[in-house]
Amino acid sequence: MTKVVVATDAWHPQINGVVRTLENLASAASAFGASFRFLTPQNFRTIGLPIYPEIRLSLVGASTAGRLVEAEPFDFVHLATEGPLGLAVRLHCLRGGIPFTTSYHTNFPAYVAKRTRIPPRWTYALLRRFHNAGAATFVATRSIENDLRCHGFERLMLWSRGVDHDQFRQRPGACLGLPGPVFLYVGRLAIEKNLPAFLGLDLPGTKVVVGDGPARRALEVAYPHAIFLGRRSGNDLARVYAGADVFVFPSLTDTFGLVLLEAMSSGLPVAAFPVAGPHDVVGTSGAGVLDQDLRRACLSALEIPRWKARAHAETFSWRESARQFLDNQAASQKEEFRSITD
């Protein structure tokens, strides 16, 4: 059996794409004879990030993290995040000559620039140092691969995502009991998600927002006619998707967007800007409309049949995502891969 150790700073009680990706990866990888052991903030003393109390920063050194890495035999070490825990395990691996891979989930240069005056090139430089020390960096889309390559990142490998088609499905008769059409957003409520671009639109029907985050209170005050449902998960979330008419994704910075797959699997066409994330996940499939005019995209998406969105989502699966991940791990350890890409 292949054994993988994954260090991740993103874990419960967080609800985000990184956590859901890792959970689904571990579940699907079992079909290929692989098992995963997660090192998370739950293994250590932590402090909460002030603006995101649910995000816990691990107080851990390389030696402590290393003891947990070495506690059981393993074949591969993967660093899912660039936080304190990822840094500690990275240092342990470098000291011990242990190969490791990394993954690039979050567009930190854009997020940091939204909140501070730190130039993106400084953030790219720090991330490049973190990732280029590994055997390979896994990226979700070609657009992200091209962007990182332009910023000096090396040994990049594609690792796509999947969706639970049984849970996120069309549910005939599903209804939210709101004036239609219902335009839905699901995700974190934070400045980098560009929610005013959606909530400020003049659209018929009702705008519904699912999720929580530091911007929620300000958004509720600024857009009193929108319906804020808070966090939803599992079947509760799936029923909301099924009861809406269009999924609106106003973000300009997401590297993928699992919610895009969940929405389309539920039969929801997508309205989004033509940027990385929607460009790679939706593209020219006909399952959504990508337009610089988001209002026009929303109204045009109403004309897309639900079966078309579902059909495109079915081209993504967690099984295929797990296969890619494990194949990448094996390939990244081969000397010929490192020599070709160096």
C-alpha atoms as a PDB file:
ATOM      1  CA  MET A   1       0.000   0.000   0.000  1.00  0.00           C
ATOM      2  CA  THR A   2       1.239   3.500  -0.897  1.00  0.00           C
ATOM      3  CA  LYS A   3       1.469   5.707   2.195  1.00  0.00           C
ATOM      4  CA  VAL A   4       1.357   9.483   1.919  1.00  0.00           C
ATOM      5  CA  VAL A   5       1.994  12.031   4.675  1.00  0.00           C
ATOM      6  CA  VAL A   6       0.243  15.353   4.028  1.00  0.00           C
ATOM      7  CA  ALA A   7       1.049  18.476   6.041  1.00  0.00           C
ATOM      8  CA  THR A   8      -1.715  21.082   5.862  1.00  0.00           C
ATOM      9  CA  ASP A   9      -2.345  24.304   7.755  1.00  0.00           C
ATOM     10  CA  ALA A  10      -5.908  24.294   6.369  1.00  0.00           C
ATOM     11  CA  TRP A  11      -8.124  21.926   8.333  1.00  0.00           C
ATOM     12  CA  HIS A  12     -11.292  21.773  10.400  1.00  0.00           C
ATOM     13  CA  PRO A  13     -13.084  23.845  11.602  1.00  0.00           C
ATOM     14  CA  GLN A  14     -12.290  25.646   8.358  1.00  0.00           C
ATOM     15  CA  ILE A  15     -14.703  25.002   5.508  1.00  0.00           C
ATOM     16  CA  ASN A  16     -12.912  25.712   2.245  1.00  0.00           C
ATOM     17  CA  GLY A  17     -11.741  24.174  -0.976  1.00  0.00           C
ATOM     18  CA  VAL A  18      -8.394  23.004   0.401  1.00  0.00           C
ATOM     19  CA  VAL A  19      -9.979  21.032   3.251  1.00  0.00           C
ATOM     20  CA  ARG A  20     -12.630  19.475   1.012  1.00  0.00           C
ATOM     21  CA  THR A  21     -10.050  18.629  -1.643  1.00  0.00           C
ATOM     22  CA  LEU A  22      -7.813  16.800   0.825  1.00  0.00           C
ATOM     23  CA  GLU A  23     -10.686  14.870   2.383  1.00  0.00           C
ATOM     24  CA  ASN A  24     -12.032  13.748  -0.988  1.00  0.00           C
ATOM     25  CA  LEU A  25      -8.533  12.950  -2.230  1.00  0.00           C
ATOM     26  CA  ALA A  26      -7.861  10.602   0.682  1.00  0.00           C
ATOM     27  CA  SER A  27     -11.218   8.873   0.239  1.00  0.00           C
ATOM     28  CA  ALA A  28     -10.848   8.375  -3.519  1.00  0.00           C
ATOM     29  CA  ALA A  29      -7.189   7.320  -3.317  1.00  0.00           C
ATOM     30  CA  SER A  30      -8.091   4.254  -1.268  1.00  0.00           C
ATOM     31  CA  ALA A  31      -9.348   2.659  -4.505  1.00  0.00           C
ATOM     32  CA  PHE A  32      -5.742   2.771  -5.747  1.00  0.00           C
ATOM     33  CA  GLY A  33      -4.337   1.168  -2.611  1.00  0.00           C
ATOM     34  CA  ALA A  34      -3.149   4.435  -1.053  1.00  0.00           C
ATOM     35  CA  SER A  35      -3.573   5.664   2.500  1.00  0.00           C
ATOM     36  CA  PHE A  36      -3.116   9.190   3.827  1.00  0.00           C
ATOM     37  CA  ARG A  37      -1.884  10.459   7.175  1.00  0.00           C
ATOM     38  CA  PHE A  38      -2.617  14.139   7.811  1.00  0.00           C
ATOM     39  CA  LEU A  39      -0.538  16.455   9.968  1.00  0.00           C
ATOM     40  CA  THR A  40      -2.830  19.374  10.795  1.00  0.00           C
ATOM     41  CA  PRO A  41      -3.094  22.167  13.379  1.00  0.00           C
ATOM     42  CA  GLN A  42      -5.068  19.706  15.499  1.00  0.00           C
ATOM     43  CA  ASN A  43      -1.748  17.982  16.241  1.00  0.00           C
ATOM     44  CA  PHE A  44      -0.200  21.088  17.867  1.00  0.00           C
ATOM     45  CA  ARG A  45      -0.806  24.138  20.013  1.00  0.00           C
ATOM     46  CA  THR A  46      -2.264  26.906  17.891  1.00  0.00           C
ATOM     47  CA  ILE A  47      -3.297  30.541  17.860  1.00  0.00           C
ATOM     48  CA  GLY A  48      -6.224  31.962  15.879  1.00  0.00           C
ATOM     49  CA  LEU A  49      -5.694  34.330  12.996  1.00  0.00           C
ATOM     50  CA  PRO A  50      -7.349  37.603  14.147  1.00  0.00           C
ATOM     51  CA  ILE A  51      -9.503  38.216  11.042  1.00  0.00           C
ATOM     52  CA  TYR A  52     -10.249  34.488  10.585  1.00  0.00           C
ATOM     53  CA  PRO A  53     -10.614  32.948  14.083  1.00  0.00           C
ATOM     54  CA  GLU A  54     -11.374  29.542  12.580  1.00  0.00           C
ATOM     55  CA  ILE A  55      -7.931  29.532  10.937  1.00  0.00           C
ATOM     56  CA  ARG A  56      -5.466  28.128  13.471  1.00  0.00           C
ATOM     57  CA  LEU A  57      -1.746  28.785  13.095  1.00  0.00           C
ATOM     58  CA  SER A  58       0.391  25.961  14.458  1.00  0.00           C
ATOM     59  CA  LEU A  59       3.087  26.734  17.013  1.00  0.00           C
ATOM     60  CA  VAL A  60       5.509  24.073  15.840  1.00  0.00           C
ATOM     61  CA  GLY A  61       9.183  23.669  15.067  1.00  0.00           C
ATOM     62  CA  ALA A  62      10.836  21.452  12.499  1.00  0.00           C
ATOM     63  CA  SER A  63      11.993  18.880  15.039  1.00  0.00           C
ATOM     64  CA  THR A  64       8.514  18.418  16.527  1.00  0.00           C
ATOM     65  CA  ALA A  65       6.870  18.211  13.123  1.00  0.00           C
ATOM     66  CA  GLY A  66       9.603  15.867  11.975  1.00  0.00           C
ATOM     67  CA  ARG A  67       8.924  13.388  14.759  1.00  0.00           C
ATOM     68  CA  LEU A  68       5.337  13.109  13.573  1.00  0.00           C
ATOM     69  CA  VAL A  69       6.417  12.750   9.940  1.00  0.00           C
ATOM     70  CA  GLU A  70       8.740   9.895  10.915  1.00  0.00           C
ATOM     71  CA  ALA A  71       6.290   8.242  13.322  1.00  0.00           C
ATOM     72  CA  GLU A  72       5.228   5.691  10.716  1.00  0.00           C
ATOM     73  CA  PRO A  73       6.705   4.437   7.410  1.00  0.00           C
ATOM     74  CA  PHE A  74       5.752   6.529   4.379  1.00  0.00           C
ATOM     75  CA  ASP A  75       6.383   6.641   0.646  1.00  0.00           C
ATOM     76  CA  PHE A  76       5.696  10.308  -0.074  1.00  0.00           C
ATOM     77  CA  VAL A  77       5.521  13.610   1.807  1.00  0.00           C
ATOM     78  CA  HIS A  78       3.261  16.347   0.461  1.00  0.00           C
ATOM     79  CA  LEU A  79       2.984  19.943   1.700  1.00  0.00           C
ATOM     80  CA  ALA A  80      -0.507  21.217   0.943  1.00  0.00           C
ATOM     81  CA  THR A  81      -0.042  24.737   2.331  1.00  0.00           C
ATOM     82  CA  GLU A  82       2.652  27.343   2.867  1.00  0.00           C
ATOM     83  CA  GLY A  83       1.792  28.137   6.514  1.00  0.00           C
ATOM     84  CA  PRO A  84       3.722  27.436   9.746  1.00  0.00           C
ATOM     85  CA  LEU A  85       3.144  23.683   9.591  1.00  0.00           C
ATOM     86  CA  GLY A  86       4.092  23.459   5.926  1.00  0.00           C
ATOM     87  CA  LEU A  87       7.252  25.455   6.647  1.00  0.00           C
ATOM     88  CA  ALA A  88       8.190  23.229   9.612  1.00  0.00           C
ATOM     89  CA  VAL A  89       7.801  19.990   7.636  1.00  0.00           C
ATOM     90  CA  ARG A  90       9.646  21.549   4.669  1.00  0.00           C
ATOM     91  CA  LEU A  91      12.607  22.369   6.897  1.00  0.00           C
ATOM     92  CA  HIS A  92      12.620  18.867   8.380  1.00  0.00           C
ATOM     93  CA  CYS A  93      12.630  17.328   4.910  1.00  0.00           C
ATOM     94  CA  LEU A  94      15.414  19.587   3.654  1.00  0.00           C
ATOM     95  CA  ARG A  95      17.571  18.796   6.686  1.00  0.00           C
ATOM     96  CA  GLY A  96      17.018  15.067   6.279  1.00  0.00           C
ATOM     97  CA  GLY A  97      17.239  14.879   2.492  1.00  0.00           C
ATOM     98  CA  ILE A  98      13.628  13.686   2.235  1.00  0.00           C
ATOM     99  CA  PRO A  99      11.956  14.429  -1.133  1.00  0.00           C
ATOM    100  CA  PHE A 100       8.628  16.223  -0.900  1.00  0.00           C
ATOM    101  CA  THR A 101       6.023  17.729  -3.195  1.00  0.00           C
ATOM    102  CA  THR A 102       3.872  20.809  -2.721  1.00  0.00           C
ATOM    103  CA  SER A 103       0.592  22.133  -4.082  1.00  0.00           C
ATOM    104  CA  TYR A 104      -0.444  25.675  -4.952  1.00  0.00           C
ATOM    105  CA  HIS A 105      -4.057  26.171  -3.862  1.00  0.00           C
ATOM    106  CA  THR A 106      -4.315  29.876  -3.098  1.00  0.00           C
ATOM    107  CA  ASN A 107      -3.440  32.998  -5.076  1.00  0.00           C
ATOM    108  CA  PHE A 108      -1.691  34.654  -2.159  1.00  0.00           C
ATOM    109  CA  PRO A 109      -0.019  37.410  -4.234  1.00  0.00           C
ATOM    110  CA  ALA A 110      -3.450  38.725  -5.257  1.00  0.00           C
ATOM    111  CA  TYR A 111      -4.973  38.233  -1.781  1.00  0.00           C
ATOM    112  CA  VAL A 112      -2.112  39.992   0.012  1.00  0.00           C
ATOM    113  CA  ALA A 113      -2.203  42.872  -2.480  1.00  0.00           C
ATOM    114  CA  LYS A 114      -5.932  43.324  -1.753  1.00  0.00           C
ATOM    115  CA  ARG A 115      -5.272  43.839   1.961  1.00  0.00           C
ATOM    116  CA  THR A 116      -1.858  45.510   2.046  1.00  0.00           C
ATOM    117  CA  ARG A 117       0.542  47.566  -0.018  1.00  0.00           C
ATOM    118  CA  ILE A 118       2.905  44.615  -0.434  1.00  0.00           C
ATOM    119  CA  PRO A 119       3.749  44.263  -4.159  1.00  0.00           C
ATOM    120  CA  PRO A 120       2.750  40.894  -5.657  1.00  0.00           C
ATOM    121  CA  ARG A 121       6.326  40.296  -6.832  1.00  0.00           C
ATOM    122  CA  TRP A 122       7.491  40.121  -3.192  1.00  0.00           C
ATOM    123  CA  THR A 123       4.874  37.492  -2.365  1.00  0.00           C
ATOM    124  CA  TYR A 124       5.708  35.542  -5.520  1.00  0.00           C
ATOM    125  CA  ALA A 125       9.380  35.554  -4.474  1.00  0.00           C
ATOM    126  CA  LEU A 126       8.564  34.041  -1.056  1.00  0.00           C
ATOM    127  CA  LEU A 127       6.258  31.422  -2.558  1.00  0.00           C
ATOM    128  CA  ARG A 128       8.793  30.578  -5.261  1.00  0.00           C
ATOM    129  CA  ARG A 129      11.416  29.908  -2.576  1.00  0.00           C
ATOM    130  CA  PHE A 130       8.986  27.669  -0.691  1.00  0.00           C
ATOM    131  CA  HIS A 131       7.809  25.592  -3.652  1.00  0.00           C
ATOM    132  CA  ASN A 132      10.961  25.326  -5.748  1.00  0.00           C
ATOM    133  CA  ALA A 133      12.714  23.470  -2.920  1.00  0.00           C
ATOM    134  CA  GLY A 134      10.387  20.522  -3.543  1.00  0.00           C
ATOM    135  CA  ALA A 135      10.459  17.751  -6.138  1.00  0.00           C
ATOM    136  CA  ALA A 136       7.341  19.175  -7.832  1.00  0.00           C
ATOM    137  CA  THR A 137       4.510  21.647  -7.332  1.00  0.00           C
ATOM    138  CA  PHE A 138       0.976  20.498  -8.187  1.00  0.00           C
ATOM    139  CA  VAL A 139      -1.333  23.092  -9.775  1.00  0.00           C
ATOM    140  CA  ALA A 140      -5.026  22.774 -10.581  1.00  0.00           C
ATOM    141  CA  THR A 141      -5.177  24.404 -14.030  1.00  0.00           C
ATOM    142  CA  ARG A 142      -3.140  25.372 -17.077  1.00  0.00           C
ATOM    143  CA  SER A 143      -3.742  29.062 -16.402  1.00  0.00           C
ATOM    144  CA  ILE A 144      -2.158  28.808 -12.960  1.00  0.00           C
ATOM    145  CA  GLU A 145       0.687  26.718 -14.386  1.00  0.00           C
ATOM    146  CA  ASN A 146       1.421  29.392 -16.988  1.00  0.00           C
ATOM    147  CA  ASP A 147       1.250  32.196 -14.425  1.00  0.00           C
ATOM    148  CA  LEU A 148       3.608  30.481 -12.001  1.00  0.00           C
ATOM    149  CA  ARG A 149       6.034  29.501 -14.739  1.00  0.00           C
ATOM    150  CA  CYS A 150       6.237  33.164 -15.755  1.00  0.00           C
ATOM    151  CA  HIS A 151       7.185  33.965 -12.140  1.00  0.00           C
ATOM    152  CA  GLY A 152      10.014  31.452 -12.023  1.00  0.00           C
ATOM    153  CA  PHE A 153       8.298  28.411 -10.501  1.00  0.00           C
ATOM    154  CA  GLU A 154       9.792  25.091 -11.571  1.00  0.00           C
ATOM    155  CA  ARG A 155       8.700  21.452 -11.878  1.00  0.00           C
ATOM    156  CA  LEU A 156       4.966  22.166 -12.194  1.00  0.00           C
ATOM    157  CA  MET A 157       2.498  19.289 -12.587  1.00  0.00           C
ATOM    158  CA  LEU A 158      -1.253  19.373 -13.197  1.00  0.00           C
ATOM    159  CA  TRP A 159      -3.567  18.042 -10.496  1.00  0.00           C
ATOM    160  CA  SER A 160      -7.249  18.672 -11.232  1.00  0.00           C
ATOM    161  CA  ARG A 161     -10.234  18.403  -8.877  1.00  0.00           C
ATOM    162  CA  GLY A 162     -13.475  16.475  -8.689  1.00  0.00           C
ATOM    163  CA  VAL A 163     -17.013  16.584  -7.341  1.00  0.00           C
ATOM    164  CA  ASP A 164     -19.406  14.191  -5.592  1.00  0.00           C
ATOM    165  CA  HIS A 165     -21.993  13.643  -8.323  1.00  0.00           C
ATOM    166  CA  ASP A 166     -24.293  11.682  -6.036  1.00  0.00           C
ATOM    167  CA  GLN A 167     -24.590  14.431  -3.465  1.00  0.00           C
ATOM    168  CA  PHE A 168     -24.551  17.399  -5.830  1.00  0.00           C
ATOM    169  CA  ARG A 169     -27.233  16.502  -8.355  1.00  0.00           C
ATOM    170  CA  GLN A 170     -30.381  17.819  -9.951  1.00  0.00           C
ATOM    171  CA  ARG A 171     -33.364  17.497  -7.628  1.00  0.00           C
ATOM    172  CA  PRO A 172     -36.633  17.907  -9.552  1.00  0.00           C
ATOM    173  CA  GLY A 173     -39.029  20.160  -7.689  1.00  0.00           C
ATOM    174  CA  ALA A 174     -36.324  21.700  -5.491  1.00  0.00           C
ATOM    175  CA  CYS A 175     -37.356  25.200  -4.487  1.00  0.00           C
ATOM    176  CA  LEU A 176     -35.995  27.808  -2.091  1.00  0.00           C
ATOM    177  CA  GLY A 177     -39.375  29.524  -1.768  1.00  0.00           C
ATOM    178  CA  LEU A 178     -38.005  32.832  -3.073  1.00  0.00           C
ATOM    179  CA  PRO A 179     -39.010  35.005  -6.045  1.00  0.00           C
ATOM    180  CA  GLY A 180     -37.209  33.731  -9.095  1.00  0.00           C
ATOM    181  CA  PRO A 181     -34.938  33.572 -10.832  1.00  0.00           C
ATOM    182  CA  VAL A 182     -32.536  32.806  -7.981  1.00  0.00           C
ATOM    183  CA  PHE A 183     -28.920  33.843  -8.495  1.00  0.00           C
ATOM    184  CA  LEU A 184     -26.659  32.023  -6.043  1.00  0.00           C
ATOM    185  CA  TYR A 185     -23.163  32.558  -4.643  1.00  0.00           C
ATOM    186  CA  VAL A 186     -21.427  30.014  -2.384  1.00  0.00           C
ATOM    187  CA  GLY A 187     -18.073  30.639  -0.735  1.00  0.00           C
ATOM    188  CA  ARG A 188     -16.104  32.665   1.759  1.00  0.00           C
ATOM    189  CA  LEU A 189     -17.322  36.208   2.363  1.00  0.00           C
ATOM    190  CA  ALA A 190     -14.112  38.187   2.106  1.00  0.00           C
ATOM    191  CA  ILE A 191     -12.744  41.132   0.154  1.00  0.00           C
ATOM    192  CA  GLU A 192     -10.851  39.002  -2.362  1.00  0.00           C
ATOM    193  CA  LYS A 193     -14.061  37.280  -3.498  1.00  0.00           C
ATOM    194  CA  ASN A 194     -15.259  40.508  -5.192  1.00  0.00           C
ATOM    195  CA  LEU A 195     -18.853  40.053  -3.980  1.00  0.00           C
ATOM    196  CA  PRO A 196     -19.992  43.658  -4.614  1.00  0.00           C
ATOM    197  CA  ALA A 197     -19.581  42.942  -8.330  1.00  0.00           C
ATOM    198  CA  PHE A 198     -22.438  40.439  -7.941  1.00  0.00           C
ATOM    199  CA  LEU A 199     -24.551  41.930  -5.159  1.00  0.00           C
ATOM    200  CA  GLY A 200     -24.580  45.363  -6.783  1.00  0.00           C
ATOM    201  CA  LEU A 201     -26.059  44.094 -10.043  1.00  0.00           C
ATOM    202  CA  ASP A 202     -29.554  45.031 -11.167  1.00  0.00           C
ATOM    203  CA  LEU A 203     -31.040  41.564 -11.627  1.00  0.00           C
ATOM    204  CA  PRO A 204     -34.576  40.165 -11.540  1.00  0.00           C
ATOM    205  CA  GLY A 205     -35.585  37.713  -8.832  1.00  0.00           C
ATOM    206  CA  THR A 206     -33.427  37.102  -5.753  1.00  0.00           C
ATOM    207  CA  LYS A 207     -29.736  37.061  -4.898  1.00  0.00           C
ATOM    208  CA  VAL A 208     -28.779  34.360  -2.379  1.00  0.00           C
ATOM    209  CA  VAL A 209     -25.440  34.134  -0.568  1.00  0.00           C
ATOM    210  CA  VAL A 210     -24.193  31.008   1.237  1.00  0.00           C
ATOM    211  CA  GLY A 211     -21.079  31.208   3.402  1.00  0.00           C
ATOM    212  CA  ASP A 212     -19.451  33.242   6.126  1.00  0.00           C
ATOM    213  CA  GLY A 213     -16.366  35.346   6.617  1.00  0.00           C
ATOM    214  CA  PRO A 214     -15.015  38.712   7.787  1.00  0.00           C
ATOM    215  CA  ALA A 215     -16.960  40.705   5.185  1.00  0.00           C
ATOM    216  CA  ARG A 216     -20.376  39.251   5.989  1.00  0.00           C
ATOM    217  CA  ARG A 217     -21.687  41.958   8.302  1.00  0.00           C
ATOM    218  CA  ALA A 218     -20.636  44.791   5.983  1.00  0.00           C
ATOM    219  CA  LEU A 219     -22.184  43.035   2.989  1.00  0.00           C
ATOM    220  CA  GLU A 220     -25.477  42.449   4.826  1.00  0.00           C
ATOM    221  CA  VAL A 221     -25.663  46.156   5.638  1.00  0.00           C
ATOM    222  CA  ALA A 222     -24.689  47.297   2.145  1.00  0.00           C
ATOM    223  CA  TYR A 223     -27.010  44.865   0.315  1.00  0.00           C
ATOM    224  CA  PRO A 224     -30.133  44.398   2.471  1.00  0.00           C
ATOM    225  CA  HIS A 225     -32.163  42.889  -0.370  1.00  0.00           C
ATOM    226  CA  ALA A 226     -29.854  39.894  -0.726  1.00  0.00           C
ATOM    227  CA  ILE A 227     -30.595  36.734   1.288  1.00  0.00           C
ATOM    228  CA  PHE A 228     -27.664  35.593   3.460  1.00  0.00           C
ATOM    229  CA  LEU A 229     -28.078  31.981   4.548  1.00  0.00           C
ATOM    230  CA  GLY A 230     -24.790  31.565   6.422  1.00  0.00           C
ATOM    231  CA  ARG A 231     -22.778  28.380   6.258  1.00  0.00           C
ATOM    232  CA  ARG A 232     -24.301  25.297   4.707  1.00  0.00           C
ATOM    233  CA  SER A 233     -22.719  21.915   4.082  1.00  0.00           C
ATOM    234  CA  GLY A 234     -23.581  18.401   2.951  1.00  0.00           C
ATOM    235  CA  ASN A 235     -27.137  17.814   1.810  1.00  0.00           C
ATOM    236  CA  ASP A 236     -28.261  21.209   3.131  1.00  0.00           C
ATOM    237  CA  LEU A 237     -25.850  22.880   0.718  1.00  0.00           C
ATOM    238  CA  ALA A 238     -26.757  20.496  -2.093  1.00  0.00           C
ATOM    239  CA  ARG A 239     -30.448  21.384  -1.749  1.00  0.00           C
ATOM    240  CA  VAL A 240     -29.664  25.094  -1.990  1.00  0.00           C
ATOM    241  CA  TYR A 241     -27.731  24.541  -5.211  1.00  0.00           C
ATOM    242  CA  ALA A 242     -30.566  22.467  -6.652  1.00  0.00           C
ATOM    243  CA  GLY A 243     -33.135  25.137  -5.814  1.00  0.00           C
ATOM    244  CA  ALA A 244     -31.317  28.010  -7.545  1.00  0.00           C
ATOM    245  CA  ASP A 245     -31.250  28.992 -11.219  1.00  0.00           C
ATOM    246  CA  VAL A 246     -27.777  30.439 -11.900  1.00  0.00           C
ATOM    247  CA  PHE A 247     -24.511  30.196  -9.995  1.00  0.00           C
ATOM    248  CA  VAL A 248     -22.645  33.511  -9.934  1.00  0.00           C
ATOM    249  CA  PHE A 249     -18.873  33.476  -9.371  1.00  0.00           C
ATOM    250  CA  PRO A 250     -17.548  37.046  -9.180  1.00  0.00           C
ATOM    251  CA  SER A 251     -14.025  36.198  -7.973  1.00  0.00           C
ATOM    252  CA  LEU A 252     -11.095  37.391 -10.056  1.00  0.00           C
ATOM    253  CA  THR A 253      -8.417  35.547  -8.079  1.00  0.00           C
ATOM    254  CA  ASP A 254      -9.462  31.927  -7.407  1.00  0.00           C
ATOM    255  CA  THR A 255      -7.107  29.244  -8.664  1.00  0.00           C
ATOM    256  CA  PHE A 256      -9.924  26.754  -9.340  1.00  0.00           C
ATOM    257  CA  GLY A 257     -13.214  27.040  -7.470  1.00  0.00           C
ATOM    258  CA  LEU A 258     -14.666  23.720  -6.292  1.00  0.00           C
ATOM    259  CA  VAL A 259     -18.011  25.471  -5.950  1.00  0.00           C
ATOM    260  CA  LEU A 260     -18.108  25.768  -9.750  1.00  0.00           C
ATOM    261  CA  LEU A 261     -18.119  21.991 -10.043  1.00  0.00           C
ATOM    262  CA  GLU A 262     -20.661  21.571  -7.238  1.00  0.00           C
ATOM    263  CA  ALA A 263     -22.989  24.064  -8.908  1.00  0.00           C
ATOM    264  CA  MET A 264     -22.732  22.536 -12.369  1.00  0.00           C
ATOM    265  CA  SER A 265     -23.137  19.029 -10.976  1.00  0.00           C
ATOM    266  CA  SER A 266     -26.378  20.304  -9.406  1.00  0.00           C
ATOM    267  CA  GLY A 267     -27.544  21.498 -12.826  1.00  0.00           C
ATOM    268  CA  LEU A 268     -26.683  25.173 -12.323  1.00  0.00           C
ATOM    269  CA  PRO A 269     -25.192  27.101 -15.242  1.00  0.00           C
ATOM    270  CA  VAL A 270     -22.376  29.467 -14.249  1.00  0.00           C
ATOM    271  CA  ALA A 271     -22.023  33.223 -14.741  1.00  0.00           C
ATOM    272  CA  ALA A 272     -18.491  34.509 -14.182  1.00  0.00           C
ATOM    273  CA  PHE A 273     -15.738  36.777 -15.408  1.00  0.00           C
ATOM    274  CA  PRO A 274     -13.381  35.317 -18.062  1.00  0.00           C
ATOM    275  CA  VAL A 275     -10.455  34.792 -15.675  1.00  0.00           C
ATOM    276  CA  ALA A 276      -8.359  31.846 -14.440  1.00  0.00           C
ATOM    277  CA  GLY A 277     -10.599  29.473 -12.546  1.00  0.00           C
ATOM    278  CA  PRO A 278     -13.797  29.903 -14.580  1.00  0.00           C
ATOM    279  CA  HIS A 279     -11.753  29.949 -17.800  1.00  0.00           C
ATOM    280  CA  ASP A 280     -10.245  26.530 -17.033  1.00  0.00           C
ATOM    281  CA  VAL A 281     -13.209  24.904 -15.272  1.00  0.00           C
ATOM    282  CA  VAL A 282     -16.061  26.187 -17.468  1.00  0.00           C
ATOM    283  CA  GLY A 283     -14.269  27.454 -20.569  1.00  0.00           C
ATOM    284  CA  THR A 284     -16.133  26.917 -23.840  1.00  0.00           C
ATOM    285  CA  SER A 285     -18.134  23.941 -22.550  1.00  0.00           C
ATOM    286  CA  GLY A 286     -21.454  25.754 -22.892  1.00  0.00           C
ATOM    287  CA  ALA A 287     -22.136  25.112 -19.189  1.00  0.00           C
ATOM    288  CA  GLY A 288     -21.847  28.778 -18.353  1.00  0.00           C
ATOM    289  CA  VAL A 289     -21.273  32.288 -19.642  1.00  0.00           C
ATOM    290  CA  LEU A 290     -17.982  34.123 -19.081  1.00  0.00           C
ATOM    291  CA  ASP A 291     -18.243  37.837 -19.770  1.00  0.00           C
ATOM    292  CA  GLN A 292     -16.607  41.038 -18.556  1.00  0.00           C
ATOM    293  CA  ASP A 293     -20.200  42.265 -18.126  1.00  0.00           C
ATOM    294  CA  LEU A 294     -21.295  40.066 -15.219  1.00  0.00           C
ATOM    295  CA  ARG A 295     -24.935  41.159 -15.460  1.00  0.00           C
ATOM    296  CA  ARG A 296     -25.071  40.076 -19.090  1.00  0.00           C
ATOM    297  CA  ALA A 297     -23.455  36.774 -18.115  1.00  0.00           C
ATOM    298  CA  CYS A 298     -26.098  36.214 -15.404  1.00  0.00           C
ATOM    299  CA  LEU A 299     -29.028  36.872 -17.706  1.00  0.00           C
ATOM    300  CA  SER A 300     -27.560  34.828 -20.565  1.00  0.00           C
ATOM    301  CA  ALA A 301     -26.884  31.885 -18.240  1.00  0.00           C
ATOM    302  CA  LEU A 302     -30.631  31.619 -17.600  1.00  0.00           C
ATOM    303  CA  GLU A 303     -30.965  30.293 -21.162  1.00  0.00           C
ATOM    304  CA  ILE A 304     -28.609  27.350 -20.594  1.00  0.00           C
ATOM    305  CA  PRO A 305     -30.368  24.018 -19.972  1.00  0.00           C
ATOM    306  CA  ARG A 306     -29.550  22.382 -16.665  1.00  0.00           C
ATOM    307  CA  TRP A 307     -28.535  19.098 -18.299  1.00  0.00           C
ATOM    308  CA  LYS A 308     -25.676  20.838 -20.090  1.00  0.00           C
ATOM    309  CA  ALA A 309     -24.175  22.073 -16.824  1.00  0.00           C
ATOM    310  CA  ARG A 310     -24.515  18.612 -15.303  1.00  0.00           C
ATOM    311  CA  ALA A 311     -22.947  16.917 -18.335  1.00  0.00           C
ATOM    312  CA  HIS A 312     -19.855  19.112 -18.128  1.00  0.00           C
ATOM    313  CA  ALA A 313     -19.459  18.515 -14.384  1.00  0.00           C
ATOM    314  CA  GLU A 314     -19.483  14.775 -15.045  1.00  0.00           C
ATOM    315  CA  THR A 315     -16.162  15.121 -16.876  1.00  0.00           C
ATOM    316  CA  PHE A 316     -14.551  15.784 -13.449  1.00  0.00           C
ATOM    317  CA  SER A 317     -14.256  13.113 -10.761  1.00  0.00           C
ATOM    318  CA  TRP A 318     -12.432  12.632  -7.471  1.00  0.00           C
ATOM    319  CA  ARG A 319     -11.237   9.231  -8.676  1.00  0.00           C
ATOM    320  CA  GLU A 320      -9.414  10.832 -11.608  1.00  0.00           C
ATOM    321  CA  SER A 321      -8.097  13.578  -9.311  1.00  0.00           C
ATOM    322  CA  ALA A 322      -6.671  10.946  -6.946  1.00  0.00           C
ATOM    323  CA  ARG A 323      -5.096   9.042  -9.825  1.00  0.00           C
ATOM    324  CA  GLN A 324      -3.401  12.230 -11.050  1.00  0.00           C
ATOM    325  CA  PHE A 325      -2.106  13.001  -7.569  1.00  0.00           C
ATOM    326  CA  LEU A 326      -0.574   9.558  -7.073  1.00  0.00           C
ATOM    327  CA  ASP A 327       0.874   9.429 -10.597  1.00  0.00           C
ATOM    328  CA  ASN A 328       2.444  12.846 -10.014  1.00  0.00           C
ATOM    329  CA  GLN A 329       3.992  11.654  -6.770  1.00  0.00           C
ATOM    330  CA  ALA A 330       5.622   8.701  -8.480  1.00  0.00           C
ATOM    331  CA  ALA A 331       6.818  10.760 -11.467  1.00  0.00           C
ATOM    332  CA  SER A 332       8.219  13.566  -9.303  1.00  0.00           C
ATOM    333  CA  GLN A 333      10.648  11.169  -7.609  1.00  0.00           C
ATOM    334  CA  LYS A 334      12.221  10.077 -10.889  1.00  0.00           C
ATOM    335  CA  GLU A 335      15.540  11.697 -11.687  1.00  0.00           C
ATOM    336  CA  GLU A 336      14.631  12.088 -15.355  1.00  0.00           C
ATOM    337  CA  PHE A 337      11.647  14.299 -14.402  1.00  0.00           C
ATOM    338  CA  ARG A 338      13.795  16.562 -12.262  1.00  0.00           C
ATOM    339  CA  SER A 339      16.545  16.829 -14.875  1.00  0.00           C
ATOM    340  CA  ILE A 340      14.120  17.633 -17.715  1.00  0.00           C
ATOM    341  CA  THR A 341      12.361  20.405 -15.785  1.00  0.00           C
ATOM    342  CA  ASP A 342      15.350  21.940 -13.962  1.00  0.00           C
END
